[in-house]
């Protein structure tokens, strides 16, 4: 059981490390691609990759389970990314980064309301949340002036809430007893399906000639295979093992990975504010998830 839990933590950490680096690929692609184009292409690649890895169908699914898959696809694949990207057009990236990091708090509340027997919250979770959020704020703003943009900030908060809903749905899906790859692929299918109407609302172009640029091709492949196919499987696996709340607290260190990647890849300078923020974010993660008497995770179902 202890080994299984360790694997759960390692897969959650691996997922966050990859997700924390995707901003570089997205930034490169945004030169010639619309956000909705990047989303649709990456998840189609992810869906096809999972189909090739496990070509068999997911059978014996009840109507209630199918609705759960549909809801997970709508929340975690379609709405979350669309809300986040639209929020970025109305408010600063630093605002979005901080607000999205509230997702573990929303996850904890929803888990307490809808999965009462699964994970119990203790004071250490909320202390860790406060410490981590202080770190995230320092990393995100890094000496910049706080500017509130109500519409964008509300959309970012909705994105965090939607991700919390996805985490709860993922935990529910894990109780069905199906293969994580098959359930993730089914979720991708519905996410892509729900994303199709959005292409008519935004400036979507089905122009594959852009992928003649090897830089664009490699980055979309990275997002499709790494950030989508691999990461959603590992994230869903971690949720199955650790629970929705304990897995979600790894979101605290996304800004930390982003800072490290910026230094290594973009050669950005490190400030003492970002260093302190990094220490606080990591400390908050450990306080919330590892301290004795903190967050207790129920058995995987």
Protein backbone atom coordinates (compact mmCIF):
# COMPACT_ATOMS: atom_id res chain seq x y z
CA UNK A 1 0.00 0.00 0.00
CA UNK A 2 2.86 2.35 0.87
CA UNK A 3 4.56 1.64 -2.47
CA UNK A 4 1.29 2.30 -4.29
CA UNK A 5 0.93 5.63 -2.49
CA UNK A 6 4.51 6.59 -3.39
CA UNK A 7 3.79 5.81 -7.05
CA UNK A 8 0.70 8.01 -6.80
CA UNK A 9 2.80 10.93 -5.53
CA UNK A 10 5.45 10.40 -8.20
CA UNK A 11 2.89 10.33 -11.03
CA UNK A 12 1.24 13.50 -9.68
CA UNK A 13 4.65 15.20 -9.50
CA UNK A 14 5.56 14.05 -13.04
CA UNK A 15 2.27 15.43 -14.33
CA UNK A 16 2.80 18.82 -12.72
CA UNK A 17 6.40 19.07 -13.97
CA UNK A 18 5.22 18.56 -17.56
CA UNK A 19 2.18 20.85 -17.17
CA UNK A 20 4.40 23.53 -15.66
CA UNK A 21 6.56 23.58 -18.80
CA UNK A 22 3.76 23.68 -21.38
CA UNK A 23 3.55 27.48 -21.26
CA UNK A 24 6.67 27.60 -23.47
CA UNK A 25 5.11 25.40 -26.16
CA UNK A 26 1.84 27.30 -25.97
CA UNK A 27 3.63 30.65 -26.18
CA UNK A 28 5.50 29.51 -29.30
CA UNK A 29 2.33 28.23 -30.98
CA UNK A 30 0.29 31.35 -30.15
CA UNK A 31 2.35 33.25 -32.74
CA UNK A 32 0.37 31.59 -35.56
CA UNK A 33 -2.37 29.62 -33.78
CA UNK A 34 -5.54 30.62 -31.93
CA UNK A 35 -5.96 29.15 -28.41
CA UNK A 36 -8.94 27.02 -29.48
CA UNK A 37 -6.86 25.62 -32.39
CA UNK A 38 -4.08 24.57 -30.03
CA UNK A 39 -6.59 22.92 -27.69
CA UNK A 40 -8.40 20.99 -30.41
CA UNK A 41 -5.21 19.80 -32.14
CA UNK A 42 -3.50 18.72 -28.91
CA UNK A 43 -6.46 16.71 -27.61
CA UNK A 44 -7.09 15.06 -30.97
CA UNK A 45 -3.43 13.97 -30.96
CA UNK A 46 -3.83 12.80 -27.35
CA UNK A 47 -7.01 10.85 -28.20
CA UNK A 48 -5.38 9.15 -31.19
CA UNK A 49 -2.28 8.27 -29.14
CA UNK A 50 -4.39 6.59 -26.45
CA UNK A 51 -6.38 4.78 -29.17
CA UNK A 52 -3.15 3.39 -30.66
CA UNK A 53 -1.79 2.35 -27.24
CA UNK A 54 -5.02 0.54 -26.23
CA UNK A 55 -7.15 -0.01 -29.35
CA UNK A 56 -9.89 -1.96 -27.59
CA UNK A 57 -13.25 -0.35 -26.80
CA UNK A 58 -14.64 0.54 -23.40
CA UNK A 59 -17.70 -1.70 -23.07
CA UNK A 60 -20.40 -2.35 -20.50
CA UNK A 61 -20.78 1.33 -19.58
CA UNK A 62 -24.11 2.26 -17.98
CA UNK A 63 -26.01 5.44 -18.84
CA UNK A 64 -25.11 6.97 -15.46
CA UNK A 65 -21.43 6.23 -16.04
CA UNK A 66 -21.63 7.66 -19.57
CA UNK A 67 -23.05 10.89 -18.18
CA UNK A 68 -20.12 11.04 -15.74
CA UNK A 69 -17.67 10.66 -18.66
CA UNK A 70 -19.52 13.40 -20.56
CA UNK A 71 -19.39 15.71 -17.54
CA UNK A 72 -15.66 15.07 -17.04
CA UNK A 73 -14.97 15.83 -20.71
CA UNK A 74 -17.03 19.00 -20.55
CA UNK A 75 -15.32 20.23 -17.36
CA UNK A 76 -11.69 19.08 -17.56
CA UNK A 77 -11.08 19.17 -21.31
CA UNK A 78 -13.42 21.79 -22.76
CA UNK A 79 -14.58 24.38 -20.21
CA UNK A 80 -11.42 24.56 -18.08
CA UNK A 81 -9.07 25.37 -20.95
CA UNK A 82 -11.51 27.67 -22.75
CA UNK A 83 -12.24 29.65 -19.57
CA UNK A 84 -8.53 29.91 -18.75
CA UNK A 85 -7.61 31.10 -22.26
CA UNK A 86 -10.48 33.59 -22.44
CA UNK A 87 -9.57 34.88 -18.97
CA UNK A 88 -6.04 35.59 -20.24
CA UNK A 89 -7.49 37.97 -22.83
CA UNK A 90 -9.20 40.05 -20.12
CA UNK A 91 -6.74 40.00 -17.23
CA UNK A 92 -3.03 39.60 -16.50
CA UNK A 93 -1.37 36.19 -16.64
CA UNK A 94 -0.22 36.71 -13.04
CA UNK A 95 -3.83 37.11 -11.90
CA UNK A 96 -4.84 33.93 -13.70
CA UNK A 97 -1.89 32.03 -12.24
CA UNK A 98 -2.85 32.94 -8.69
CA UNK A 99 -6.57 32.35 -9.10
CA UNK A 100 -6.14 28.97 -10.83
CA UNK A 101 -4.01 27.88 -7.87
CA UNK A 102 -7.13 28.11 -5.69
CA UNK A 103 -8.36 24.90 -7.41
CA UNK A 104 -7.20 22.63 -4.52
CA UNK A 105 -9.35 24.64 -2.09
CA UNK A 106 -12.41 24.26 -4.32
CA UNK A 107 -11.58 20.56 -4.70
CA UNK A 108 -11.42 20.15 -0.92
CA UNK A 109 -14.81 21.81 -0.43
CA UNK A 110 -16.50 19.79 -3.20
CA UNK A 111 -14.92 16.58 -1.91
CA UNK A 112 -16.22 17.30 1.58
CA UNK A 113 -19.71 17.94 0.18
CA UNK A 114 -19.96 15.09 -2.33
CA UNK A 115 -17.39 12.48 -1.28
CA UNK A 116 -17.68 12.73 2.49
CA UNK A 117 -16.41 9.24 3.21
CA UNK A 118 -13.41 9.55 0.92
CA UNK A 119 -11.10 12.26 2.27
CA UNK A 120 -11.22 14.09 5.57
CA UNK A 121 -9.92 17.63 5.95
CA UNK A 122 -7.88 18.81 8.90
CA UNK A 123 -6.52 22.22 9.92
CA UNK A 124 -3.15 21.49 8.31
CA UNK A 125 -4.72 21.43 4.85
CA UNK A 126 -5.95 25.02 5.24
CA UNK A 127 -2.67 26.17 6.82
CA UNK A 128 -0.79 24.64 3.92
CA UNK A 129 -3.20 26.28 1.48
CA UNK A 130 -2.53 29.72 3.01
CA UNK A 131 1.26 29.21 2.95
CA UNK A 132 1.24 27.92 -0.64
CA UNK A 133 -1.00 30.73 -1.87
CA UNK A 134 1.36 33.29 -0.31
CA UNK A 135 4.16 31.68 -2.31
CA UNK A 136 2.11 31.58 -5.52
CA UNK A 137 1.26 35.29 -5.13
CA UNK A 138 4.94 36.19 -4.70
CA UNK A 139 5.97 34.11 -7.73
CA UNK A 140 3.14 35.35 -9.95
CA UNK A 141 3.40 39.06 -9.25
CA UNK A 142 7.13 39.22 -8.41
CA UNK A 143 7.05 42.90 -7.50
CA UNK A 144 4.40 43.88 -10.06
CA UNK A 145 1.41 45.95 -9.05
CA UNK A 146 -1.84 44.06 -8.49
CA UNK A 147 -4.49 45.05 -11.03
CA UNK A 148 -8.00 43.67 -10.70
CA UNK A 149 -9.92 42.94 -13.90
CA UNK A 150 -13.32 41.66 -12.72
CA UNK A 151 -14.40 39.81 -15.87
CA UNK A 152 -11.09 38.04 -16.45
CA UNK A 153 -10.61 37.28 -12.76
CA UNK A 154 -14.11 35.81 -12.47
CA UNK A 155 -13.51 33.64 -15.54
CA UNK A 156 -10.24 32.40 -13.98
CA UNK A 157 -12.07 31.58 -10.74
CA UNK A 158 -14.68 29.67 -12.74
CA UNK A 159 -11.86 27.76 -14.45
CA UNK A 160 -10.49 26.76 -11.03
CA UNK A 161 -13.96 25.66 -9.91
CA UNK A 162 -14.47 23.68 -13.12
CA UNK A 163 -11.14 21.89 -12.59
CA UNK A 164 -12.25 21.02 -9.06
CA UNK A 165 -15.42 19.51 -10.54
CA UNK A 166 -13.26 17.53 -12.97
CA UNK A 167 -11.17 16.19 -10.07
CA UNK A 168 -14.30 14.99 -8.26
CA UNK A 169 -15.64 13.39 -11.45
CA UNK A 170 -12.27 11.70 -12.03
CA UNK A 171 -12.40 10.19 -8.55
CA UNK A 172 -15.91 8.97 -9.28
CA UNK A 173 -14.77 7.46 -12.60
CA UNK A 174 -11.92 5.64 -10.83
CA UNK A 175 -14.54 3.75 -8.79
CA UNK A 176 -15.99 2.22 -11.98
CA UNK A 177 -13.06 -0.21 -12.20
CA UNK A 178 -12.14 0.44 -15.83
CA UNK A 179 -8.66 0.97 -17.30
CA UNK A 180 -7.36 4.50 -16.67
CA UNK A 181 -6.27 4.79 -20.31
CA UNK A 182 -9.71 3.79 -21.58
CA UNK A 183 -11.53 6.17 -19.24
CA UNK A 184 -9.17 9.02 -20.09
CA UNK A 185 -9.72 8.39 -23.81
CA UNK A 186 -13.50 8.40 -23.32
CA UNK A 187 -13.19 11.71 -21.45
CA UNK A 188 -11.06 13.15 -24.28
CA UNK A 189 -13.72 12.09 -26.81
CA UNK A 190 -16.44 14.07 -25.04
CA UNK A 191 -14.09 17.01 -24.42
CA UNK A 192 -13.33 17.25 -28.14
CA UNK A 193 -17.03 16.86 -28.96
CA UNK A 194 -17.97 19.75 -26.67
CA UNK A 195 -15.10 21.84 -28.03
CA UNK A 196 -16.38 21.70 -31.62
CA UNK A 197 -19.08 24.41 -31.13
CA UNK A 198 -16.35 26.73 -29.78
CA UNK A 199 -14.48 26.66 -33.10
CA UNK A 200 -17.38 28.57 -34.66
CA UNK A 201 -17.17 31.27 -31.99
CA UNK A 202 -13.43 31.86 -32.43
CA UNK A 203 -11.16 32.39 -35.41
CA UNK A 204 -10.51 28.70 -36.11
CA UNK A 205 -8.60 27.71 -39.26
CA UNK A 206 -8.04 24.17 -40.47
CA UNK A 207 -4.67 25.06 -41.97
CA UNK A 208 -2.29 22.11 -41.66
CA UNK A 209 0.41 23.86 -43.70
CA UNK A 210 1.49 25.61 -40.50
CA UNK A 211 2.84 22.28 -39.27
CA UNK A 212 5.41 22.36 -42.06
CA UNK A 213 7.25 24.53 -39.55
CA UNK A 214 9.14 21.88 -37.53
CA UNK A 215 9.09 24.04 -34.39
CA UNK A 216 5.30 24.20 -34.46
CA UNK A 217 5.01 20.49 -35.23
CA UNK A 218 7.28 19.42 -32.35
CA UNK A 219 5.53 21.69 -29.87
CA UNK A 220 2.02 20.52 -30.76
CA UNK A 221 3.25 16.91 -30.55
CA UNK A 222 4.69 17.67 -27.10
CA UNK A 223 1.36 19.14 -25.99
CA UNK A 224 -0.60 16.28 -27.53
CA UNK A 225 1.50 13.31 -26.41
CA UNK A 226 3.06 14.71 -23.24
CA UNK A 227 0.72 17.29 -21.72
CA UNK A 228 -2.48 15.58 -22.89
CA UNK A 229 -2.20 11.81 -23.49
CA UNK A 230 0.45 11.08 -20.85
CA UNK A 231 -0.40 13.70 -18.24
CA UNK A 232 -4.14 13.14 -18.09
CA UNK A 233 -3.55 9.41 -17.67
CA UNK A 234 -0.98 9.95 -14.90
CA UNK A 235 -3.14 12.63 -13.22
CA UNK A 236 -6.21 10.39 -13.28
CA UNK A 237 -4.10 7.51 -11.96
CA UNK A 238 -2.84 9.71 -9.11
CA UNK A 239 -6.40 10.75 -8.24
CA UNK A 240 -7.40 7.08 -8.16
CA UNK A 241 -4.57 6.26 -5.73
CA UNK A 242 -4.32 9.41 -3.58
CA UNK A 243 -7.78 10.94 -3.87
CA UNK A 244 -8.95 14.18 -5.48
CA UNK A 245 -7.75 16.60 -2.79
CA UNK A 246 -4.33 15.14 -2.09
CA UNK A 247 -3.55 15.06 -5.81
CA UNK A 248 -4.86 18.57 -6.44
CA UNK A 249 -2.46 20.18 -3.95
CA UNK A 250 0.37 19.48 -6.41
CA UNK A 251 -1.10 22.37 -8.41
CA UNK A 252 0.63 24.65 -5.89
CA UNK A 253 4.01 23.93 -7.49
CA UNK A 254 3.04 24.66 -11.11
CA UNK A 255 4.35 28.26 -10.72
CA UNK A 256 7.56 26.82 -9.23
CA UNK A 257 8.13 24.63 -12.29
CA UNK A 258 7.33 27.62 -14.50
CA UNK A 259 9.97 29.74 -12.76
CA UNK A 260 12.62 27.02 -13.05
CA UNK A 261 11.78 26.44 -16.73
CA UNK A 262 11.94 30.19 -17.43
CA UNK A 263 15.43 30.33 -15.96
CA UNK A 264 16.72 27.22 -17.76
CA UNK A 265 15.06 27.70 -21.16
CA UNK A 266 14.30 31.41 -21.50
CA UNK A 267 17.33 32.53 -19.45
CA UNK A 268 15.18 34.76 -17.28
CA UNK A 269 16.75 36.10 -14.08
CA UNK A 270 15.87 34.80 -10.61
CA UNK A 271 14.71 37.34 -8.01
CA UNK A 272 14.69 36.94 -4.25
CA UNK A 273 10.90 37.33 -4.34
CA UNK A 274 10.51 34.30 -6.63
CA UNK A 275 12.92 32.30 -4.44
CA UNK A 276 10.89 33.03 -1.30
CA UNK A 277 7.69 32.29 -3.21
CA UNK A 278 9.09 28.94 -4.36
CA UNK A 279 10.03 27.97 -0.80
CA UNK A 280 6.56 28.90 0.48
CA UNK A 281 4.75 27.04 -2.31
CA UNK A 282 6.72 23.84 -1.68
CA UNK A 283 6.29 24.23 2.09
CA UNK A 284 2.53 24.63 1.61
CA UNK A 285 2.44 21.42 -0.43
CA UNK A 286 4.15 19.46 2.35
CA UNK A 287 2.06 21.00 5.12
CA UNK A 288 -1.19 20.20 3.29
CA UNK A 289 -0.34 16.71 2.15
CA UNK A 290 2.34 15.19 4.35
CA UNK A 291 2.03 16.50 7.90
CA UNK A 292 0.81 14.15 10.59
CA UNK A 293 -2.82 14.88 11.30
CA UNK A 294 -3.13 16.91 8.11
CA UNK A 295 -4.99 15.54 5.14
CA UNK A 296 -5.96 11.89 5.40
CA UNK A 297 -6.67 10.08 2.19
CA UNK A 298 -9.17 7.28 2.08
CA UNK A 299 -8.53 4.03 0.25
CA UNK A 300 -8.70 4.03 -3.53
CA UNK A 301 -12.02 2.72 -4.75
